Amino acid sequence: MRLCTRRLTAILEKYPEDVFETIIAKTIRFSETTVAGEPITSYASSSGGAASYRRLARELIARGGAR
């Protein structure tokens, strides 16, 4: 098992109620957005990264927003 998978498993076991389902994978698009000075949702709105952030936002709203 990869180290990142073991770490994620340990975090999920210790904080099951505090971890979101959405996983945002690292992509080159995130580096590009930094250079462009735009959020991923406008710079590459159809990318997987943008979709992940939209999914995370929906999860956050479903949980009642930020604490």
C-alpha atoms as a PDB file:
ATOM      1  CA  MET A   1       0.000   0.000   0.000  1.00  0.00           C
ATOM      2  CA  ARG A   2       1.330   3.430  -0.932  1.00  0.00           C
ATOM      3  CA  LEU A   3       2.261   5.869   1.817  1.00  0.00           C
ATOM      4  CA  CYS A   4      -0.416   8.387   0.779  1.00  0.00           C
ATOM      5  CA  THR A   5      -3.068   5.658   0.908  1.00  0.00           C
ATOM      6  CA  ARG A   6      -1.940   4.595   4.383  1.00  0.00           C
ATOM      7  CA  ARG A   7      -2.031   8.200   5.580  1.00  0.00           C
ATOM      8  CA  LEU A   8      -5.499   8.769   4.150  1.00  0.00           C
ATOM      9  CA  THR A   9      -6.724   5.569   5.806  1.00  0.00           C
ATOM     10  CA  ALA A  10      -5.281   6.663   9.179  1.00  0.00           C
ATOM     11  CA  ILE A  11      -6.914  10.095   8.900  1.00  0.00           C
ATOM     12  CA  LEU A  12     -10.275   8.568   7.967  1.00  0.00           C
ATOM     13  CA  GLU A  13     -10.089   6.206  10.945  1.00  0.00           C
ATOM     14  CA  LYS A  14      -9.220   8.984  13.412  1.00  0.00           C
ATOM     15  CA  TYR A  15     -11.545  11.719  12.053  1.00  0.00           C
ATOM     16  CA  PRO A  16     -14.361   9.965  10.177  1.00  0.00           C
ATOM     17  CA  GLU A  17     -16.866  12.807  10.605  1.00  0.00           C
ATOM     18  CA  ASP A  18     -14.429  15.577   9.684  1.00  0.00           C
ATOM     19  CA  VAL A  19     -13.138  14.327   6.334  1.00  0.00           C
ATOM     20  CA  PHE A  20     -14.941  15.069   3.088  1.00  0.00           C
ATOM     21  CA  GLU A  21     -15.623  12.374   0.498  1.00  0.00           C
ATOM     22  CA  THR A  22     -14.214  14.478  -2.331  1.00  0.00           C
ATOM     23  CA  ILE A  23     -10.555  13.932  -3.123  1.00  0.00           C
ATOM     24  CA  ILE A  24      -8.845  16.631  -5.159  1.00  0.00           C
ATOM     25  CA  ALA A  25      -6.047  15.130  -7.208  1.00  0.00           C
ATOM     26  CA  LYS A  26      -2.983  17.205  -8.015  1.00  0.00           C
ATOM     27  CA  THR A  27      -2.849  18.220 -11.681  1.00  0.00           C
ATOM     28  CA  ILE A  28      -0.730  20.537 -13.813  1.00  0.00           C
ATOM     29  CA  ARG A  29      -3.763  22.785 -14.248  1.00  0.00           C
ATOM     30  CA  PHE A  30      -3.405  24.016 -10.653  1.00  0.00           C
ATOM     31  CA  SER A  31       0.106  25.324 -11.382  1.00  0.00           C
ATOM     32  CA  GLU A  32      -1.175  26.971 -14.550  1.00  0.00           C
ATOM     33  CA  THR A  33      -3.952  28.746 -12.655  1.00  0.00           C
ATOM     34  CA  THR A  34      -1.429  30.231 -10.244  1.00  0.00           C
ATOM     35  CA  VAL A  35       0.514  31.744 -13.129  1.00  0.00           C
ATOM     36  CA  ALA A  36      -2.691  32.938 -14.798  1.00  0.00           C
ATOM     37  CA  GLY A  37      -3.996  34.406 -11.539  1.00  0.00           C
ATOM     38  CA  GLU A  38      -7.399  32.748 -11.925  1.00  0.00           C
ATOM     39  CA  PRO A  39      -9.295  30.116  -9.986  1.00  0.00           C
ATOM     40  CA  ILE A  40      -9.391  26.650 -11.525  1.00  0.00           C
ATOM     41  CA  THR A  41     -13.162  26.935 -11.974  1.00  0.00           C
ATOM     42  CA  SER A  42     -12.749  29.774 -14.466  1.00  0.00           C
ATOM     43  CA  TYR A  43      -9.321  28.987 -15.964  1.00  0.00           C
ATOM     44  CA  ALA A  44     -10.129  25.366 -16.787  1.00  0.00           C
ATOM     45  CA  SER A  45     -13.811  25.015 -15.932  1.00  0.00           C
ATOM     46  CA  SER A  46     -14.231  21.627 -17.604  1.00  0.00           C
ATOM     47  CA  SER A  47     -11.137  20.080 -15.986  1.00  0.00           C
ATOM     48  CA  GLY A  48     -11.213  17.341 -13.395  1.00  0.00           C
ATOM     49  CA  GLY A  49      -9.759  19.724 -10.810  1.00  0.00           C
ATOM     50  CA  ALA A  50     -12.576  22.227 -11.317  1.00  0.00           C
ATOM     51  CA  ALA A  51     -15.154  19.450 -11.092  1.00  0.00           C
ATOM     52  CA  SER A  52     -13.572  18.256  -7.836  1.00  0.00           C
ATOM     53  CA  TYR A  53     -13.739  21.722  -6.286  1.00  0.00           C
ATOM     54  CA  ARG A  54     -17.386  22.077  -7.314  1.00  0.00           C
ATOM     55  CA  ARG A  55     -18.113  18.670  -5.774  1.00  0.00           C
ATOM     56  CA  LEU A  56     -16.315  19.751  -2.559  1.00  0.00           C
ATOM     57  CA  ALA A  57     -18.357  22.974  -2.438  1.00  0.00           C
ATOM     58  CA  ARG A  58     -21.589  20.958  -2.719  1.00  0.00           C
ATOM     59  CA  GLU A  59     -20.410  18.700   0.117  1.00  0.00           C
ATOM     60  CA  LEU A  60     -19.596  21.688   2.300  1.00  0.00           C
ATOM     61  CA  ILE A  61     -23.001  23.245   1.661  1.00  0.00           C
ATOM     62  CA  ALA A  62     -24.728  19.917   2.386  1.00  0.00           C
ATOM     63  CA  ARG A  63     -22.948  19.786   5.763  1.00  0.00           C
ATOM     64  CA  GLY A  64     -24.249  23.222   6.661  1.00  0.00           C
ATOM     65  CA  GLY A  65     -21.379  25.386   5.463  1.00  0.00           C
ATOM     66  CA  ALA A  66     -18.069  26.275   7.045  1.00  0.00           C
ATOM     67  CA  ARG A  67     -17.697  26.093  10.821  1.00  0.00           C
END
